[in-house]
Amino acid sequence: MHHDHTSLADDLQRLLATPTGRRRSLRWLLAGAGVAAVPLVGCGGGNGATAAATASTSATTASTAGTTACSVIPEETNGPYPGDGSNSNGSGIANALTLSGIVRGDIRSSVAPGSATASGIKMTLQLKIVNTGSSCASMAGAAVYVWHCDRDGNYSMYSSGVTGENYLRGVQETDGGGLATFTTIFPGCYAGRMPHIHFEVYPSLAQATSASNRVKTSQVAFPIATCNEVYATSGYSSSARNFANMSFASDNVFSDGYTLEMATVTGDPVNGYVVALTVGVAF
């Protein structure tokens, strides 16, 4: 499929201005991400993380997710399709954060001016934000912006055919227990990347309007066993093909480690899934 993007040179120049930016731009280059020149790099799955997959299915809630909750989650690229005001989608600066209604729990449908709803297996995403600088205290009143591809591997606001949509993007304020909860679908798998969800953490809901205010950018990884289960269902056939050609070892983001990003998962394709991750952030 074709994806329209502009100002890549400007984006790279901006990214190269900081150490974090240089890391992100290097990962884009390693992934072949000349944004307008390549297809979406996506999800996949090999057989290299069986132990991680087994361990990650043992927990059941966000409060128990992960045994290294006090570690800062790795900083990861926000990719070419963030919709956080940091780049263009070909029609101008793409910023879902300023859309009316983007602060919502159910992100399956677009808000105006979009109108489409993403199809797929229902998933409840629970991200628990904790402050690593304060004995892992739960961070109430922070904000989390999440986004991910649809079951066909397309990103709203950027991919051909859905540039006018903004589904599978949304912001939530963390509750008293530091929890931000989203209702969404299990993401599809596009060629070149393991399945993942992007997210950014902001100090407050009021500041969650521009990427310049974010304090952490990272990604959620999924157990291989869960991905195989989802992609065996109808509607995810292209994901199954892509997933068969990937592994964590070959993924350009997770190949250097994903322990702190691996979600715990419960559920099934019929009743849907609960996906939970504790996110350590140094506030």
C-alpha atoms as a PDB file:
ATOM      1  CA  MET A   1       0.000   0.000   0.000  1.00  0.00           C
ATOM      2  CA  HIS A   2       1.130   3.603  -0.449  1.00  0.00           C
ATOM      3  CA  HIS A   3       1.547   6.050   2.428  1.00  0.00           C
ATOM      4  CA  ASP A   4       1.841   9.759   1.821  1.00  0.00           C
ATOM      5  CA  HIS A   5       4.301  11.682   3.988  1.00  0.00           C
ATOM      6  CA  THR A   6       6.153  14.950   3.617  1.00  0.00           C
ATOM      7  CA  SER A   7       8.908  16.886   5.364  1.00  0.00           C
ATOM      8  CA  LEU A   8      10.922  13.771   6.241  1.00  0.00           C
ATOM      9  CA  ALA A   9      14.172  15.711   5.864  1.00  0.00           C
ATOM     10  CA  ASP A  10      12.897  18.353   8.240  1.00  0.00           C
ATOM     11  CA  ASP A  11      11.779  15.669  10.710  1.00  0.00           C
ATOM     12  CA  LEU A  12      15.175  13.961  10.631  1.00  0.00           C
ATOM     13  CA  GLN A  13      17.014  17.270  11.047  1.00  0.00           C
ATOM     14  CA  ARG A  14      14.902  18.003  14.109  1.00  0.00           C
ATOM     15  CA  LEU A  15      15.417  14.524  15.509  1.00  0.00           C
ATOM     16  CA  LEU A  16      19.185  14.617  15.043  1.00  0.00           C
ATOM     17  CA  ALA A  17      19.387  17.745  17.215  1.00  0.00           C
ATOM     18  CA  THR A  18      19.131  15.687  20.444  1.00  0.00           C
ATOM     19  CA  PRO A  19      20.614  12.382  21.705  1.00  0.00           C
ATOM     20  CA  THR A  20      17.147  10.891  22.055  1.00  0.00           C
ATOM     21  CA  GLY A  21      16.309  12.090  18.576  1.00  0.00           C
ATOM     22  CA  ARG A  22      19.461  10.553  17.158  1.00  0.00           C
ATOM     23  CA  ARG A  23      18.493   7.217  18.683  1.00  0.00           C
ATOM     24  CA  ARG A  24      15.021   7.446  17.183  1.00  0.00           C
ATOM     25  CA  SER A  25      16.252   8.476  13.743  1.00  0.00           C
ATOM     26  CA  LEU A  26      18.797   5.638  13.736  1.00  0.00           C
ATOM     27  CA  ARG A  27      16.032   3.151  14.447  1.00  0.00           C
ATOM     28  CA  TRP A  28      13.957   4.597  11.608  1.00  0.00           C
ATOM     29  CA  LEU A  29      16.909   4.249   9.252  1.00  0.00           C
ATOM     30  CA  LEU A  30      17.647   0.707  10.375  1.00  0.00           C
ATOM     31  CA  ALA A  31      14.037  -0.148   9.706  1.00  0.00           C
ATOM     32  CA  GLY A  32      14.296   1.334   6.226  1.00  0.00           C
ATOM     33  CA  ALA A  33      11.860   4.026   7.224  1.00  0.00           C
ATOM     34  CA  GLY A  34      12.127   6.428   4.374  1.00  0.00           C
ATOM     35  CA  VAL A  35       8.544   7.086   5.317  1.00  0.00           C
ATOM     36  CA  ALA A  36       7.128   7.777   1.891  1.00  0.00           C
ATOM     37  CA  ALA A  37       9.192   5.090   0.218  1.00  0.00           C
ATOM     38  CA  VAL A  38       8.373   1.981   2.209  1.00  0.00           C
ATOM     39  CA  PRO A  39       5.246   0.135   3.319  1.00  0.00           C
ATOM     40  CA  LEU A  40       4.253   0.137   6.953  1.00  0.00           C
ATOM     41  CA  VAL A  41       6.719  -1.850   9.007  1.00  0.00           C
ATOM     42  CA  GLY A  42       4.719  -3.955  11.324  1.00  0.00           C
ATOM     43  CA  CYS A  43       4.057  -6.729  13.694  1.00  0.00           C
ATOM     44  CA  GLY A  44       5.277 -10.262  13.508  1.00  0.00           C
ATOM     45  CA  GLY A  45       6.171 -13.292  15.471  1.00  0.00           C
ATOM     46  CA  GLY A  46       8.760 -15.993  15.554  1.00  0.00           C
ATOM     47  CA  ASN A  47       9.531 -18.650  18.096  1.00  0.00           C
ATOM     48  CA  GLY A  48      12.251 -16.789  20.002  1.00  0.00           C
ATOM     49  CA  ALA A  49      10.307 -15.665  23.083  1.00  0.00           C
ATOM     50  CA  THR A  50       8.491 -18.766  24.306  1.00  0.00           C
ATOM     51  CA  ALA A  51       9.688 -18.314  27.878  1.00  0.00           C
ATOM     52  CA  ALA A  52       8.639 -14.667  27.912  1.00  0.00           C
ATOM     53  CA  ALA A  53       5.255 -15.560  26.465  1.00  0.00           C
ATOM     54  CA  THR A  54       4.672 -18.205  29.134  1.00  0.00           C
ATOM     55  CA  ALA A  55       5.717 -15.922  31.986  1.00  0.00           C
ATOM     56  CA  SER A  56       3.672 -12.988  30.740  1.00  0.00           C
ATOM     57  CA  THR A  57       0.391 -14.872  30.819  1.00  0.00           C
ATOM     58  CA  SER A  58       0.635 -15.643  34.532  1.00  0.00           C
ATOM     59  CA  ALA A  59      -0.498 -12.247  35.839  1.00  0.00           C
ATOM     60  CA  THR A  60      -4.073 -11.074  35.614  1.00  0.00           C
ATOM     61  CA  THR A  61      -4.295  -7.390  36.450  1.00  0.00           C
ATOM     62  CA  ALA A  62      -2.385  -4.168  35.957  1.00  0.00           C
ATOM     63  CA  SER A  63      -1.602  -4.052  39.648  1.00  0.00           C
ATOM     64  CA  THR A  64       0.386  -7.282  39.387  1.00  0.00           C
ATOM     65  CA  ALA A  65       1.852  -6.752  35.928  1.00  0.00           C
ATOM     66  CA  GLY A  66       5.598  -7.178  35.850  1.00  0.00           C
ATOM     67  CA  THR A  67       8.100  -7.989  38.562  1.00  0.00           C
ATOM     68  CA  THR A  68      10.347  -5.025  37.754  1.00  0.00           C
ATOM     69  CA  ALA A  69       7.792  -2.256  38.240  1.00  0.00           C
ATOM     70  CA  CYS A  70      10.356   0.071  39.796  1.00  0.00           C
ATOM     71  CA  SER A  71      12.525   0.116  36.672  1.00  0.00           C
ATOM     72  CA  VAL A  72      12.132   2.943  34.172  1.00  0.00           C
ATOM     73  CA  ILE A  73      10.541   1.602  30.998  1.00  0.00           C
ATOM     74  CA  PRO A  74      12.818   2.002  27.947  1.00  0.00           C
ATOM     75  CA  GLU A  75      12.433   5.074  25.763  1.00  0.00           C
ATOM     76  CA  GLU A  76      11.321   4.024  22.275  1.00  0.00           C
ATOM     77  CA  THR A  77      10.633   5.723  18.976  1.00  0.00           C
ATOM     78  CA  ASN A  78       7.180   7.173  18.451  1.00  0.00           C
ATOM     79  CA  GLY A  79       7.547   6.014  14.849  1.00  0.00           C
ATOM     80  CA  PRO A  80       6.475   7.770  11.696  1.00  0.00           C
ATOM     81  CA  TYR A  81       2.759   7.850  12.603  1.00  0.00           C
ATOM     82  CA  PRO A  82       2.408   9.442  16.072  1.00  0.00           C
ATOM     83  CA  GLY A  83      -0.276  12.038  15.429  1.00  0.00           C
ATOM     84  CA  ASP A  84       1.079  14.034  18.364  1.00  0.00           C
ATOM     85  CA  GLY A  85       1.979  17.249  16.560  1.00  0.00           C
ATOM     86  CA  SER A  86       5.595  16.226  15.940  1.00  0.00           C
ATOM     87  CA  ASN A  87       5.333  15.542  12.192  1.00  0.00           C
ATOM     88  CA  SER A  88       3.200  15.884   9.068  1.00  0.00           C
ATOM     89  CA  ASN A  89       0.878  13.408   7.411  1.00  0.00           C
ATOM     90  CA  GLY A  90       1.127  15.033   3.979  1.00  0.00           C
ATOM     91  CA  SER A  91      -1.693  17.488   4.572  1.00  0.00           C
ATOM     92  CA  GLY A  92      -0.073  19.396   7.403  1.00  0.00           C
ATOM     93  CA  ILE A  93       0.889  18.833  11.017  1.00  0.00           C
ATOM     94  CA  ALA A  94      -0.892  15.743  12.357  1.00  0.00           C
ATOM     95  CA  ASN A  95      -2.074  16.258  15.922  1.00  0.00           C
ATOM     96  CA  ALA A  96      -4.873  14.106  17.308  1.00  0.00           C
ATOM     97  CA  LEU A  97      -4.216  15.517  20.782  1.00  0.00           C
ATOM     98  CA  THR A  98      -6.010  18.757  19.967  1.00  0.00           C
ATOM     99  CA  LEU A  99      -9.166  17.091  18.587  1.00  0.00           C
ATOM    100  CA  SER A 100     -12.380  17.586  20.522  1.00  0.00           C
ATOM    101  CA  GLY A 101     -13.339  14.265  22.092  1.00  0.00           C
ATOM    102  CA  ILE A 102      -9.892  12.656  21.888  1.00  0.00           C
ATOM    103  CA  VAL A 103      -9.898  12.271  25.686  1.00  0.00           C
ATOM    104  CA  ARG A 104     -11.921   9.068  25.841  1.00  0.00           C
ATOM    105  CA  GLY A 105     -11.778   5.494  27.067  1.00  0.00           C
ATOM    106  CA  ASP A 106     -13.159   3.746  23.977  1.00  0.00           C
ATOM    107  CA  ILE A 107     -10.869   4.497  21.039  1.00  0.00           C
ATOM    108  CA  ARG A 108     -12.378   2.135  18.464  1.00  0.00           C
ATOM    109  CA  SER A 109     -14.237   4.882  16.585  1.00  0.00           C
ATOM    110  CA  SER A 110     -13.004   8.152  15.132  1.00  0.00           C
ATOM    111  CA  VAL A 111     -14.033  11.513  16.542  1.00  0.00           C
ATOM    112  CA  ALA A 112     -15.004  14.351  14.202  1.00  0.00           C
ATOM    113  CA  PRO A 113     -14.033  14.962  11.469  1.00  0.00           C
ATOM    114  CA  GLY A 114     -13.616  11.167  11.154  1.00  0.00           C
ATOM    115  CA  SER A 115     -16.519   8.730  11.252  1.00  0.00           C
ATOM    116  CA  ALA A 116     -15.194   5.162  10.851  1.00  0.00           C
ATOM    117  CA  THR A 117     -14.967   2.426  13.472  1.00  0.00           C
ATOM    118  CA  ALA A 118     -12.090  -0.048  13.527  1.00  0.00           C
ATOM    119  CA  SER A 119     -13.075  -3.719  13.417  1.00  0.00           C
ATOM    120  CA  GLY A 120     -11.276  -6.432  15.344  1.00  0.00           C
ATOM    121  CA  ILE A 121     -11.160  -8.486  18.523  1.00  0.00           C
ATOM    122  CA  LYS A 122     -12.001  -6.397  21.572  1.00  0.00           C
ATOM    123  CA  MET A 123      -9.161  -5.556  23.910  1.00  0.00           C
ATOM    124  CA  THR A 124      -9.034  -3.681  27.217  1.00  0.00           C
ATOM    125  CA  LEU A 125      -5.675  -1.984  27.691  1.00  0.00           C
ATOM    126  CA  GLN A 126      -4.630  -1.135  31.263  1.00  0.00           C
ATOM    127  CA  LEU A 127      -1.502   0.970  31.716  1.00  0.00           C
ATOM    128  CA  LYS A 128      -0.505   1.589  35.328  1.00  0.00           C
ATOM    129  CA  ILE A 129       1.854   4.568  35.641  1.00  0.00           C
ATOM    130  CA  VAL A 130       4.230   4.532  38.613  1.00  0.00           C
ATOM    131  CA  ASN A 131       6.880   7.043  39.670  1.00  0.00           C
ATOM    132  CA  THR A 132      10.287   5.355  39.851  1.00  0.00           C
ATOM    133  CA  GLY A 133      11.648   8.418  41.648  1.00  0.00           C
ATOM    134  CA  SER A 134       9.199   8.001  44.520  1.00  0.00           C
ATOM    135  CA  SER A 135       9.306   4.339  45.544  1.00  0.00           C
ATOM    136  CA  CYS A 136       7.069   3.358  42.619  1.00  0.00           C
ATOM    137  CA  ALA A 137       4.134   5.384  43.918  1.00  0.00           C
ATOM    138  CA  SER A 138       1.107   5.295  41.635  1.00  0.00           C
ATOM    139  CA  MET A 139       0.891   8.446  39.532  1.00  0.00           C
ATOM    140  CA  ALA A 140      -2.607   9.842  39.813  1.00  0.00           C
ATOM    141  CA  GLY A 141      -3.421  12.745  37.512  1.00  0.00           C
ATOM    142  CA  ALA A 142      -0.899  11.932  34.790  1.00  0.00           C
ATOM    143  CA  ALA A 143      -2.100  11.443  31.218  1.00  0.00           C
ATOM    144  CA  VAL A 144      -1.457   8.692  28.677  1.00  0.00           C
ATOM    145  CA  TYR A 145      -1.847   8.944  24.903  1.00  0.00           C
ATOM    146  CA  VAL A 146      -2.037   5.614  23.055  1.00  0.00           C
ATOM    147  CA  TRP A 147      -2.176   4.765  19.361  1.00  0.00           C
ATOM    148  CA  HIS A 148      -1.764   1.653  17.241  1.00  0.00           C
ATOM    149  CA  CYS A 149      -2.524   0.189  13.823  1.00  0.00           C
ATOM    150  CA  ASP A 150      -5.846  -1.393  12.881  1.00  0.00           C
ATOM    151  CA  ARG A 151      -6.221  -5.086  12.063  1.00  0.00           C
ATOM    152  CA  ASP A 152      -5.083  -4.449   8.495  1.00  0.00           C
ATOM    153  CA  GLY A 153      -1.880  -2.746   9.653  1.00  0.00           C
ATOM    154  CA  ASN A 154      -3.024   0.778   8.798  1.00  0.00           C
ATOM    155  CA  TYR A 155      -2.545   3.861  10.979  1.00  0.00           C
ATOM    156  CA  SER A 156      -5.347   6.403  11.050  1.00  0.00           C
ATOM    157  CA  MET A 157      -4.347   9.937   9.992  1.00  0.00           C
ATOM    158  CA  TYR A 158      -1.481   8.590   7.845  1.00  0.00           C
ATOM    159  CA  SER A 159      -2.238   5.421   5.857  1.00  0.00           C
ATOM    160  CA  SER A 160      -3.842   5.518   2.430  1.00  0.00           C
ATOM    161  CA  GLY A 161      -7.631   5.369   2.736  1.00  0.00           C
ATOM    162  CA  VAL A 162      -7.777   6.370   6.411  1.00  0.00           C
ATOM    163  CA  THR A 163      -5.984   9.728   6.466  1.00  0.00           C
ATOM    164  CA  GLY A 164      -9.279  11.376   7.423  1.00  0.00           C
ATOM    165  CA  GLU A 165      -9.850   9.014  10.339  1.00  0.00           C
ATOM    166  CA  ASN A 166      -8.404   9.120  13.866  1.00  0.00           C
ATOM    167  CA  TYR A 167      -9.588   5.838  15.348  1.00  0.00           C
ATOM    168  CA  LEU A 168      -7.335   3.793  17.665  1.00  0.00           C
ATOM    169  CA  ARG A 169      -5.978   6.997  19.189  1.00  0.00           C
ATOM    170  CA  GLY A 170      -6.983   8.426  22.535  1.00  0.00           C
ATOM    171  CA  VAL A 171      -5.966  10.051  25.805  1.00  0.00           C
ATOM    172  CA  GLN A 172      -6.876   9.125  29.372  1.00  0.00           C
ATOM    173  CA  GLU A 173      -6.042  10.684  32.735  1.00  0.00           C
ATOM    174  CA  THR A 174      -4.730   8.209  35.289  1.00  0.00           C
ATOM    175  CA  ASP A 175      -6.985   7.499  38.251  1.00  0.00           C
ATOM    176  CA  GLY A 176      -6.054   7.406  41.929  1.00  0.00           C
ATOM    177  CA  GLY A 177      -4.243   4.124  41.394  1.00  0.00           C
ATOM    178  CA  GLY A 178      -2.244   5.439  38.446  1.00  0.00           C
ATOM    179  CA  LEU A 179      -4.342   3.470  35.960  1.00  0.00           C
ATOM    180  CA  ALA A 180      -5.304   4.563  32.449  1.00  0.00           C
ATOM    181  CA  THR A 181      -7.780   2.199  30.776  1.00  0.00           C
ATOM    182  CA  PHE A 182      -8.680   2.020  27.083  1.00  0.00           C
ATOM    183  CA  THR A 183     -11.179  -0.079  25.148  1.00  0.00           C
ATOM    184  CA  THR A 184      -9.763  -0.894  21.732  1.00  0.00           C
ATOM    185  CA  ILE A 185      -9.065  -3.805  19.356  1.00  0.00           C
ATOM    186  CA  PHE A 186      -6.110  -6.141  19.186  1.00  0.00           C
ATOM    187  CA  PRO A 187      -3.721  -4.521  16.693  1.00  0.00           C
ATOM    188  CA  GLY A 188      -2.876  -6.147  13.400  1.00  0.00           C
ATOM    189  CA  CYS A 189       0.541  -7.185  12.224  1.00  0.00           C
ATOM    190  CA  TYR A 190       2.245  -5.360   9.375  1.00  0.00           C
ATOM    191  CA  ALA A 191       5.500  -6.476   7.747  1.00  0.00           C
ATOM    192  CA  GLY A 192       8.746  -5.752   9.554  1.00  0.00           C
ATOM    193  CA  ARG A 193       7.689  -5.234  13.208  1.00  0.00           C
ATOM    194  CA  MET A 194       6.436  -7.275  16.090  1.00  0.00           C
ATOM    195  CA  PRO A 195       2.887  -6.406  17.253  1.00  0.00           C
ATOM    196  CA  HIS A 196       2.919  -3.343  19.486  1.00  0.00           C
ATOM    197  CA  ILE A 197       1.056  -0.366  20.903  1.00  0.00           C
ATOM    198  CA  HIS A 198       2.644   3.069  21.102  1.00  0.00           C
ATOM    199  CA  PHE A 199       2.101   5.331  24.082  1.00  0.00           C
ATOM    200  CA  GLU A 200       3.275   8.636  25.521  1.00  0.00           C
ATOM    201  CA  VAL A 201       3.060   9.709  29.161  1.00  0.00           C
ATOM    202  CA  TYR A 202       2.368  13.342  30.095  1.00  0.00           C
ATOM    203  CA  PRO A 203       2.595  15.034  33.508  1.00  0.00           C
ATOM    204  CA  SER A 204      -1.058  16.082  33.354  1.00  0.00           C
ATOM    205  CA  LEU A 205      -4.107  16.061  31.119  1.00  0.00           C
ATOM    206  CA  ALA A 206      -3.717  19.789  30.504  1.00  0.00           C
ATOM    207  CA  GLN A 207      -0.242  19.191  29.094  1.00  0.00           C
ATOM    208  CA  ALA A 208      -1.288  16.315  26.838  1.00  0.00           C
ATOM    209  CA  THR A 209      -1.767  18.523  23.783  1.00  0.00           C
ATOM    210  CA  SER A 210       1.690  18.416  22.195  1.00  0.00           C
ATOM    211  CA  ALA A 211       4.564  15.933  22.060  1.00  0.00           C
ATOM    212  CA  SER A 212       6.859  18.630  23.406  1.00  0.00           C
ATOM    213  CA  ASN A 213       5.337  18.070  26.869  1.00  0.00           C
ATOM    214  CA  ARG A 214       5.740  14.283  27.054  1.00  0.00           C
ATOM    215  CA  VAL A 215       7.926  12.728  29.732  1.00  0.00           C
ATOM    216  CA  LYS A 216       8.116   9.212  28.295  1.00  0.00           C
ATOM    217  CA  THR A 217       7.548   7.515  24.946  1.00  0.00           C
ATOM    218  CA  SER A 218       7.486   3.734  24.769  1.00  0.00           C
ATOM    219  CA  GLN A 219       5.705   0.680  23.373  1.00  0.00           C
ATOM    220  CA  VAL A 220       3.731  -2.325  24.607  1.00  0.00           C
ATOM    221  CA  ALA A 221       4.776  -5.796  23.416  1.00  0.00           C
ATOM    222  CA  PHE A 222       2.577  -8.908  23.284  1.00  0.00           C
ATOM    223  CA  PRO A 223       3.221 -12.592  24.079  1.00  0.00           C
ATOM    224  CA  ILE A 224       3.769 -14.691  20.973  1.00  0.00           C
ATOM    225  CA  ALA A 225       1.159 -17.218  22.085  1.00  0.00           C
ATOM    226  CA  THR A 226      -1.510 -14.503  22.273  1.00  0.00           C
ATOM    227  CA  CYS A 227      -0.621 -13.131  18.848  1.00  0.00           C
ATOM    228  CA  ASN A 228      -0.852 -16.598  17.295  1.00  0.00           C
ATOM    229  CA  GLU A 229      -4.263 -17.064  18.917  1.00  0.00           C
ATOM    230  CA  VAL A 230      -5.603 -13.739  17.632  1.00  0.00           C
ATOM    231  CA  TYR A 231      -4.157 -13.996  14.144  1.00  0.00           C
ATOM    232  CA  ALA A 232      -5.702 -17.428  13.615  1.00  0.00           C
ATOM    233  CA  THR A 233      -9.146 -15.770  13.598  1.00  0.00           C
ATOM    234  CA  SER A 234     -10.963 -14.421  10.556  1.00  0.00           C
ATOM    235  CA  GLY A 235     -10.173 -10.811   9.730  1.00  0.00           C
ATOM    236  CA  TYR A 236      -6.507 -11.114  10.718  1.00  0.00           C
ATOM    237  CA  SER A 237      -5.297 -13.291   7.836  1.00  0.00           C
ATOM    238  CA  SER A 238      -2.773 -10.734   6.559  1.00  0.00           C
ATOM    239  CA  SER A 239      -1.447 -10.368  10.111  1.00  0.00           C
ATOM    240  CA  ALA A 240      -0.928 -14.127  10.343  1.00  0.00           C
ATOM    241  CA  ARG A 241       1.208 -14.090   7.202  1.00  0.00           C
ATOM    242  CA  ASN A 242       3.316 -11.158   8.392  1.00  0.00           C
ATOM    243  CA  PHE A 243       3.642 -12.534  11.913  1.00  0.00           C
ATOM    244  CA  ALA A 244       5.133 -15.788  10.656  1.00  0.00           C
ATOM    245  CA  ASN A 245       8.125 -13.883   9.276  1.00  0.00           C
ATOM    246  CA  MET A 246       9.106 -11.937  12.400  1.00  0.00           C
ATOM    247  CA  SER A 247      10.719 -12.481  15.787  1.00  0.00           C
ATOM    248  CA  PHE A 248      11.760 -10.318  18.714  1.00  0.00           C
ATOM    249  CA  ALA A 249      15.374 -10.839  17.678  1.00  0.00           C
ATOM    250  CA  SER A 250      14.762  -9.264  14.267  1.00  0.00           C
ATOM    251  CA  ASP A 251      12.501  -6.457  15.442  1.00  0.00           C
ATOM    252  CA  ASN A 252      14.247  -3.076  15.188  1.00  0.00           C
ATOM    253  CA  VAL A 253      12.712  -1.814  18.448  1.00  0.00           C
ATOM    254  CA  PHE A 254      12.432  -4.851  20.723  1.00  0.00           C
ATOM    255  CA  SER A 255      15.622  -6.654  19.626  1.00  0.00           C
ATOM    256  CA  ASP A 256      17.626  -4.920  22.365  1.00  0.00           C
ATOM    257  CA  GLY A 257      15.225  -6.096  25.078  1.00  0.00           C
ATOM    258  CA  TYR A 258      11.514  -6.044  25.845  1.00  0.00           C
ATOM    259  CA  THR A 259      11.125  -7.428  29.365  1.00  0.00           C
ATOM    260  CA  LEU A 260       9.814  -4.144  30.791  1.00  0.00           C
ATOM    261  CA  GLU A 261       7.477  -3.700  27.811  1.00  0.00           C
ATOM    262  CA  MET A 262       5.916  -7.173  27.729  1.00  0.00           C
ATOM    263  CA  ALA A 263       2.259  -7.035  28.711  1.00  0.00           C
ATOM    264  CA  THR A 264       0.401  -9.593  30.768  1.00  0.00           C
ATOM    265  CA  VAL A 265      -2.631 -10.943  28.943  1.00  0.00           C
ATOM    266  CA  THR A 266      -5.805 -12.746  29.935  1.00  0.00           C
ATOM    267  CA  GLY A 267      -8.847 -13.634  27.851  1.00  0.00           C
ATOM    268  CA  ASP A 268      -9.590 -15.251  24.528  1.00  0.00           C
ATOM    269  CA  PRO A 269     -10.699 -14.282  20.992  1.00  0.00           C
ATOM    270  CA  VAL A 270     -14.388 -14.808  21.768  1.00  0.00           C
ATOM    271  CA  ASN A 271     -14.647 -12.794  24.972  1.00  0.00           C
ATOM    272  CA  GLY A 272     -11.820 -10.379  24.253  1.00  0.00           C
ATOM    273  CA  TYR A 273      -8.558  -9.725  26.056  1.00  0.00           C
ATOM    274  CA  VAL A 274      -7.307  -7.713  29.009  1.00  0.00           C
ATOM    275  CA  VAL A 275      -3.790  -6.445  28.343  1.00  0.00           C
ATOM    276  CA  ALA A 276      -1.939  -4.921  31.306  1.00  0.00           C
ATOM    277  CA  LEU A 277       1.441  -3.288  31.814  1.00  0.00           C
ATOM    278  CA  THR A 278       3.013  -1.383  34.693  1.00  0.00           C
ATOM    279  CA  VAL A 279       4.957   1.583  33.316  1.00  0.00           C
ATOM    280  CA  GLY A 280       7.794   2.999  35.367  1.00  0.00           C
ATOM    281  CA  VAL A 281       8.462   6.698  34.695  1.00  0.00           C
ATOM    282  CA  ALA A 282      10.926   9.006  36.447  1.00  0.00           C
ATOM    283  CA  PHE A 283       8.810  12.097  37.170  1.00  0.00           C
END
